Structure formats: C-alpha cells, structure tokens
Amino acid sequence: MKTPGRPSRLPASRQSNRRGGFTLLEVLVATVIMGIAVTGLIIGLTQSVKNAARLADYDRAVMLARTRMDDLLLNVNLPFDGELDGQFSLAESGGIPSGWRAALKPYEAPPQAAPGTVILQQVALEVWWEPASGGRRTMQLQSYRPVKIPLPPTPEGGSR
C-alpha cells in the first residue's frame, strides 16, 4: 500500500502487473480442485447408472413373480401337495435368464378331514434371475388359497 509522501519501492510497471490477473500457482490449484470435483461427480454418476440398472432388473423380477403367483393361485389343476418349476422366456424377462419354483402344501388341515373339505393351501414361490453383473438373485413370495382335499387315490384295478 502506498503512503502519502513516501515513494513506492517497486517501479510503476511492476505495480500495474501486480494488480490484475492470477498467478500460475493460483491457476494450478484451482485446476486441481476442479479436477477432484469433476472426478467425484463422474464416479457418482457411474454408480447411479449401475443402481438404476440393478433396480430395473429387480422391478422386472417383481412383475414376473406377481404374474406367476397370480397364475398359480388361479390354476385349479395344481397338485394338492408337491412342487412345480419352470423358466421364464427371454422375451418375458427382458433377455435375462430367469425361472421359478413353487412348493404347494396343505396349511393346517384339520385332523381326520374328509375328502372334499375346503382347507387352505400354502403356495411358496421362489423367483430367480441372473443379472449381467453376475451371480444369482432370488426373491420369495408366499400366499394361500382355498382348495378341496382330494379323494384318496384308488388302488390299481379297484372299482371306484
């Protein structure tokens, strides 16, 4: 700072250069800070895209599981006690290998229940898929439906 009555120690040409612009060191520090910030943003964006793809696979699996469970609950030709399994077509699953397995069993049948008695049947469904990121993912659903206790099987050659 210049004091009245005191001469400046720097020549007039250097004083004017000190007033304007940034030094090389300031520019380098600002560039490094911006580089770190941009790198952080790019990493965050990449992770967001991966999460969006993973959630899209999960949403597709939920839709397939709900559809399969609805089909199982409405199908009157399912076994009273047993297992079923299958695979979804690649068109259904968006090109991702996927399938399902269902376990059906009576749920708390009364003792000595007569054939034709309506009871609850438990339907446990497991849906699996193999995303492009690798590994195998699974999802499980469970529901109940009313069914009639079937007639016992007849012996071979017997009349009934």
C-alpha atoms as a PDB file:
ATOM      1  CA  MET A   1       0.000   0.000   0.000  1.00  0.00           C
ATOM      2  CA  LYS A   2       1.279   3.470  -0.878  1.00  0.00           C
ATOM      3  CA  THR A   3       1.614   6.046   1.919  1.00  0.00           C
ATOM      4  CA  PRO A   4       1.371   9.759   1.046  1.00  0.00           C
ATOM      5  CA  GLY A   5       4.749  11.413   0.938  1.00  0.00           C
ATOM      6  CA  ARG A   6       6.621   8.111   0.659  1.00  0.00           C
ATOM      7  CA  PRO A   7       7.927   6.782  -2.621  1.00  0.00           C
ATOM      8  CA  SER A   8       6.987   3.261  -3.730  1.00  0.00           C
ATOM      9  CA  ARG A   9       9.762   0.686  -3.746  1.00  0.00           C
ATOM     10  CA  LEU A  10       8.504  -1.003  -6.935  1.00  0.00           C
ATOM     11  CA  PRO A  11       8.732   0.568 -10.336  1.00  0.00           C
ATOM     12  CA  ALA A  12       5.438   1.748 -11.841  1.00  0.00           C
ATOM     13  CA  SER A  13       5.453  -1.010 -14.495  1.00  0.00           C
ATOM     14  CA  ARG A  14       5.595  -3.826 -11.859  1.00  0.00           C
ATOM     15  CA  GLN A  15       2.915  -2.227  -9.713  1.00  0.00           C
ATOM     16  CA  SER A  16       0.407  -2.343 -12.540  1.00  0.00           C
ATOM     17  CA  ASN A  17       1.202  -6.037 -13.182  1.00  0.00           C
ATOM     18  CA  ARG A  18       0.578  -6.926  -9.503  1.00  0.00           C
ATOM     19  CA  ARG A  19      -2.950  -5.575  -9.585  1.00  0.00           C
ATOM     20  CA  GLY A  20      -4.515  -7.689 -12.358  1.00  0.00           C
ATOM     21  CA  GLY A  21      -4.790 -11.434 -13.127  1.00  0.00           C
ATOM     22  CA  PHE A  22      -3.941 -14.672 -11.314  1.00  0.00           C
ATOM     23  CA  THR A  23      -0.579 -16.217 -10.690  1.00  0.00           C
ATOM     24  CA  LEU A  24       0.333 -19.554 -12.225  1.00  0.00           C
ATOM     25  CA  LEU A  25       0.168 -21.195  -8.805  1.00  0.00           C
ATOM     26  CA  GLU A  26      -3.405 -19.982  -8.247  1.00  0.00           C
ATOM     27  CA  VAL A  27      -4.467 -21.310 -11.644  1.00  0.00           C
ATOM     28  CA  LEU A  28      -2.874 -24.713 -10.928  1.00  0.00           C
ATOM     29  CA  VAL A  29      -4.554 -25.000  -7.514  1.00  0.00           C
ATOM     30  CA  ALA A  30      -7.950 -24.062  -8.995  1.00  0.00           C
ATOM     31  CA  THR A  31      -7.467 -26.650 -11.774  1.00  0.00           C
ATOM     32  CA  VAL A  32      -6.635 -29.413  -9.268  1.00  0.00           C
ATOM     33  CA  ILE A  33      -9.683 -28.564  -7.147  1.00  0.00           C
ATOM     34  CA  MET A  34     -11.955 -28.610 -10.213  1.00  0.00           C
ATOM     35  CA  GLY A  35     -10.426 -31.928 -11.329  1.00  0.00           C
ATOM     36  CA  ILE A  36     -11.168 -33.527  -7.962  1.00  0.00           C
ATOM     37  CA  ALA A  37     -14.749 -32.205  -8.018  1.00  0.00           C
ATOM     38  CA  VAL A  38     -15.394 -33.420 -11.576  1.00  0.00           C
ATOM     39  CA  THR A  39     -13.917 -36.851 -10.780  1.00  0.00           C
ATOM     40  CA  GLY A  40     -16.251 -37.157  -7.789  1.00  0.00           C
ATOM     41  CA  LEU A  41     -19.250 -36.226  -9.925  1.00  0.00           C
ATOM     42  CA  ILE A  42     -18.344 -38.765 -12.630  1.00  0.00           C
ATOM     43  CA  ILE A  43     -17.918 -41.546 -10.049  1.00  0.00           C
ATOM     44  CA  GLY A  44     -21.295 -40.669  -8.519  1.00  0.00           C
ATOM     45  CA  LEU A  45     -22.969 -40.659 -11.930  1.00  0.00           C
ATOM     46  CA  THR A  46     -21.481 -44.056 -12.808  1.00  0.00           C
ATOM     47  CA  GLN A  47     -22.731 -45.549  -9.542  1.00  0.00           C
ATOM     48  CA  SER A  48     -26.193 -44.080 -10.151  1.00  0.00           C
ATOM     49  CA  VAL A  49     -26.388 -45.714 -13.588  1.00  0.00           C
ATOM     50  CA  LYS A  50     -25.383 -49.103 -12.086  1.00  0.00           C
ATOM     51  CA  ASN A  51     -28.021 -48.752  -9.357  1.00  0.00           C
ATOM     52  CA  ALA A  52     -30.687 -47.848 -11.916  1.00  0.00           C
ATOM     53  CA  ALA A  53     -29.888 -50.980 -13.956  1.00  0.00           C
ATOM     54  CA  ARG A  54     -29.982 -53.161 -10.838  1.00  0.00           C
ATOM     55  CA  LEU A  55     -33.343 -51.697  -9.803  1.00  0.00           C
ATOM     56  CA  ALA A  56     -34.751 -52.231 -13.297  1.00  0.00           C
ATOM     57  CA  ASP A  57     -33.800 -55.942 -13.058  1.00  0.00           C
ATOM     58  CA  TYR A  58     -35.396 -56.151  -9.612  1.00  0.00           C
ATOM     59  CA  ASP A  59     -38.606 -54.443 -10.817  1.00  0.00           C
ATOM     60  CA  ARG A  60     -38.819 -56.869 -13.740  1.00  0.00           C
ATOM     61  CA  ALA A  61     -38.401 -59.806 -11.344  1.00  0.00           C
ATOM     62  CA  VAL A  62     -41.150 -58.440  -9.081  1.00  0.00           C
ATOM     63  CA  MET A  63     -43.506 -58.146 -12.050  1.00  0.00           C
ATOM     64  CA  LEU A  64     -42.717 -61.716 -13.186  1.00  0.00           C
ATOM     65  CA  ALA A  65     -43.158 -63.047  -9.629  1.00  0.00           C
ATOM     66  CA  ARG A  66     -46.531 -61.355  -9.189  1.00  0.00           C
ATOM     67  CA  THR A  67     -47.754 -62.634 -12.531  1.00  0.00           C
ATOM     68  CA  ARG A  68     -46.611 -66.204 -11.791  1.00  0.00           C
ATOM     69  CA  MET A  69     -48.160 -66.113  -8.300  1.00  0.00           C
ATOM     70  CA  ASP A  70     -51.474 -64.923  -9.770  1.00  0.00           C
ATOM     71  CA  ASP A  71     -51.344 -67.771 -12.298  1.00  0.00           C
ATOM     72  CA  LEU A  72     -50.647 -70.315  -9.542  1.00  0.00           C
ATOM     73  CA  LEU A  73     -53.420 -69.033  -7.283  1.00  0.00           C
ATOM     74  CA  LEU A  74     -55.990 -69.231 -10.078  1.00  0.00           C
ATOM     75  CA  ASN A  75     -54.925 -72.607 -11.524  1.00  0.00           C
ATOM     76  CA  VAL A  76     -57.349 -75.320 -10.331  1.00  0.00           C
ATOM     77  CA  ASN A  77     -55.227 -78.155 -11.779  1.00  0.00           C
ATOM     78  CA  LEU A  78     -52.249 -77.794  -9.431  1.00  0.00           C
ATOM     79  CA  PRO A  79     -51.229 -80.720  -7.226  1.00  0.00           C
ATOM     80  CA  PHE A  80     -52.535 -80.752  -3.645  1.00  0.00           C
ATOM     81  CA  ASP A  81     -49.064 -81.332  -2.219  1.00  0.00           C
ATOM     82  CA  GLY A  82     -45.977 -81.015  -4.421  1.00  0.00           C
ATOM     83  CA  GLU A  83     -43.582 -78.810  -6.353  1.00  0.00           C
ATOM     84  CA  LEU A  84     -43.556 -77.153  -9.761  1.00  0.00           C
ATOM     85  CA  ASP A  85     -40.830 -75.247 -11.553  1.00  0.00           C
ATOM     86  CA  GLY A  86     -40.135 -73.578 -14.851  1.00  0.00           C
ATOM     87  CA  GLN A  87     -38.280 -70.843 -16.654  1.00  0.00           C
ATOM     88  CA  PHE A  88     -39.447 -67.511 -17.981  1.00  0.00           C
ATOM     89  CA  SER A  89     -38.912 -66.836 -21.665  1.00  0.00           C
ATOM     90  CA  LEU A  90     -36.172 -64.370 -22.548  1.00  0.00           C
ATOM     91  CA  ALA A  91     -38.829 -62.093 -24.055  1.00  0.00           C
ATOM     92  CA  GLU A  92     -40.755 -62.076 -20.744  1.00  0.00           C
ATOM     93  CA  SER A  93     -37.660 -61.432 -18.653  1.00  0.00           C
ATOM     94  CA  GLY A  94     -36.052 -58.777 -20.830  1.00  0.00           C
ATOM     95  CA  GLY A  95     -33.269 -61.063 -22.033  1.00  0.00           C
ATOM     96  CA  ILE A  96     -32.157 -62.054 -18.524  1.00  0.00           C
ATOM     97  CA  PRO A  97     -32.072 -65.792 -17.705  1.00  0.00           C
ATOM     98  CA  SER A  98     -34.706 -66.364 -15.007  1.00  0.00           C
ATOM     99  CA  GLY A  99     -37.033 -69.022 -13.651  1.00  0.00           C
ATOM    100  CA  TRP A 100     -39.271 -70.033 -10.771  1.00  0.00           C
ATOM    101  CA  ARG A 101     -40.043 -72.851  -8.336  1.00  0.00           C
ATOM    102  CA  ALA A 102     -43.290 -73.257  -6.408  1.00  0.00           C
ATOM    103  CA  ALA A 103     -43.974 -75.510  -3.420  1.00  0.00           C
ATOM    104  CA  LEU A 104     -47.603 -76.334  -2.641  1.00  0.00           C
ATOM    105  CA  LYS A 105     -48.732 -77.924   0.619  1.00  0.00           C
ATOM    106  CA  PRO A 106     -51.799 -78.024   2.844  1.00  0.00           C
ATOM    107  CA  TYR A 107     -51.794 -75.411   5.569  1.00  0.00           C
ATOM    108  CA  GLU A 108     -53.091 -76.543   8.956  1.00  0.00           C
ATOM    109  CA  ALA A 109     -55.526 -79.173   7.731  1.00  0.00           C
ATOM    110  CA  PRO A 110     -57.876 -80.342  10.470  1.00  0.00           C
ATOM    111  CA  PRO A 111     -57.199 -83.874  11.740  1.00  0.00           C
ATOM    112  CA  GLN A 112     -59.285 -86.559  10.074  1.00  0.00           C
ATOM    113  CA  ALA A 113     -60.571 -84.102   7.458  1.00  0.00           C
ATOM    114  CA  ALA A 114     -62.810 -85.773   4.919  1.00  0.00           C
ATOM    115  CA  PRO A 115     -62.111 -85.556   1.193  1.00  0.00           C
ATOM    116  CA  GLY A 116     -63.934 -82.591  -0.289  1.00  0.00           C
ATOM    117  CA  THR A 117     -63.381 -80.420   2.805  1.00  0.00           C
ATOM    118  CA  VAL A 118     -62.119 -76.954   1.884  1.00  0.00           C
ATOM    119  CA  ILE A 119     -58.813 -76.032   3.535  1.00  0.00           C
ATOM    120  CA  LEU A 120     -56.051 -73.531   2.877  1.00  0.00           C
ATOM    121  CA  GLN A 121     -53.148 -74.480   0.648  1.00  0.00           C
ATOM    122  CA  GLN A 122     -49.843 -72.644   1.051  1.00  0.00           C
ATOM    123  CA  VAL A 123     -48.172 -71.557  -2.185  1.00  0.00           C
ATOM    124  CA  ALA A 124     -44.488 -70.642  -1.700  1.00  0.00           C
ATOM    125  CA  LEU A 125     -42.917 -69.186  -4.829  1.00  0.00           C
ATOM    126  CA  GLU A 126     -39.237 -68.516  -5.413  1.00  0.00           C
ATOM    127  CA  VAL A 127     -38.208 -66.500  -8.470  1.00  0.00           C
ATOM    128  CA  TRP A 128     -34.557 -66.387  -9.549  1.00  0.00           C
ATOM    129  CA  TRP A 129     -32.695 -64.350 -12.143  1.00  0.00           C
ATOM    130  CA  GLU A 130     -29.100 -63.933 -13.268  1.00  0.00           C
ATOM    131  CA  PRO A 131     -28.271 -60.277 -13.969  1.00  0.00           C
ATOM    132  CA  ALA A 132     -25.453 -59.228 -16.296  1.00  0.00           C
ATOM    133  CA  SER A 133     -23.404 -58.164 -13.265  1.00  0.00           C
ATOM    134  CA  GLY A 134     -23.091 -61.832 -12.338  1.00  0.00           C
ATOM    135  CA  GLY A 135     -24.371 -64.001  -9.537  1.00  0.00           C
ATOM    136  CA  ARG A 136     -27.849 -65.320  -8.982  1.00  0.00           C
ATOM    137  CA  ARG A 137     -30.535 -63.292  -7.254  1.00  0.00           C
ATOM    138  CA  THR A 138     -33.707 -64.727  -5.714  1.00  0.00           C
ATOM    139  CA  MET A 139     -36.999 -63.430  -4.407  1.00  0.00           C
ATOM    140  CA  GLN A 140     -39.592 -65.344  -2.394  1.00  0.00           C
ATOM    141  CA  LEU A 141     -43.338 -64.857  -2.192  1.00  0.00           C
ATOM    142  CA  GLN A 142     -45.914 -66.741  -0.207  1.00  0.00           C
ATOM    143  CA  SER A 143     -49.678 -66.867  -0.416  1.00  0.00           C
ATOM    144  CA  TYR A 144     -52.647 -69.076   0.438  1.00  0.00           C
ATOM    145  CA  ARG A 145     -55.645 -70.298  -1.495  1.00  0.00           C
ATOM    146  CA  PRO A 146     -58.709 -72.373  -0.655  1.00  0.00           C
ATOM    147  CA  VAL A 147     -58.701 -75.925  -2.061  1.00  0.00           C
ATOM    148  CA  LYS A 148     -60.697 -79.083  -1.513  1.00  0.00           C
ATOM    149  CA  ILE A 149     -58.974 -82.091  -0.028  1.00  0.00           C
ATOM    150  CA  PRO A 150     -58.753 -84.566  -2.924  1.00  0.00           C
ATOM    151  CA  LEU A 151     -60.146 -88.085  -2.872  1.00  0.00           C
ATOM    152  CA  PRO A 152     -57.534 -90.705  -1.990  1.00  0.00           C
ATOM    153  CA  PRO A 153     -56.043 -92.482  -4.989  1.00  0.00           C
ATOM    154  CA  THR A 154     -57.776 -95.686  -5.960  1.00  0.00           C
ATOM    155  CA  PRO A 155     -55.749 -98.914  -5.976  1.00  0.00           C
ATOM    156  CA  GLU A 156     -54.904-100.352  -9.347  1.00  0.00           C
ATOM    157  CA  GLY A 157     -57.700-102.431 -10.734  1.00  0.00           C
ATOM    158  CA  GLY A 158     -60.073-101.430  -7.967  1.00  0.00           C
ATOM    159  CA  SER A 159     -63.553-100.136  -8.684  1.00  0.00           C
ATOM    160  CA  ARG A 160     -64.484 -96.720  -7.535  1.00  0.00           C
END
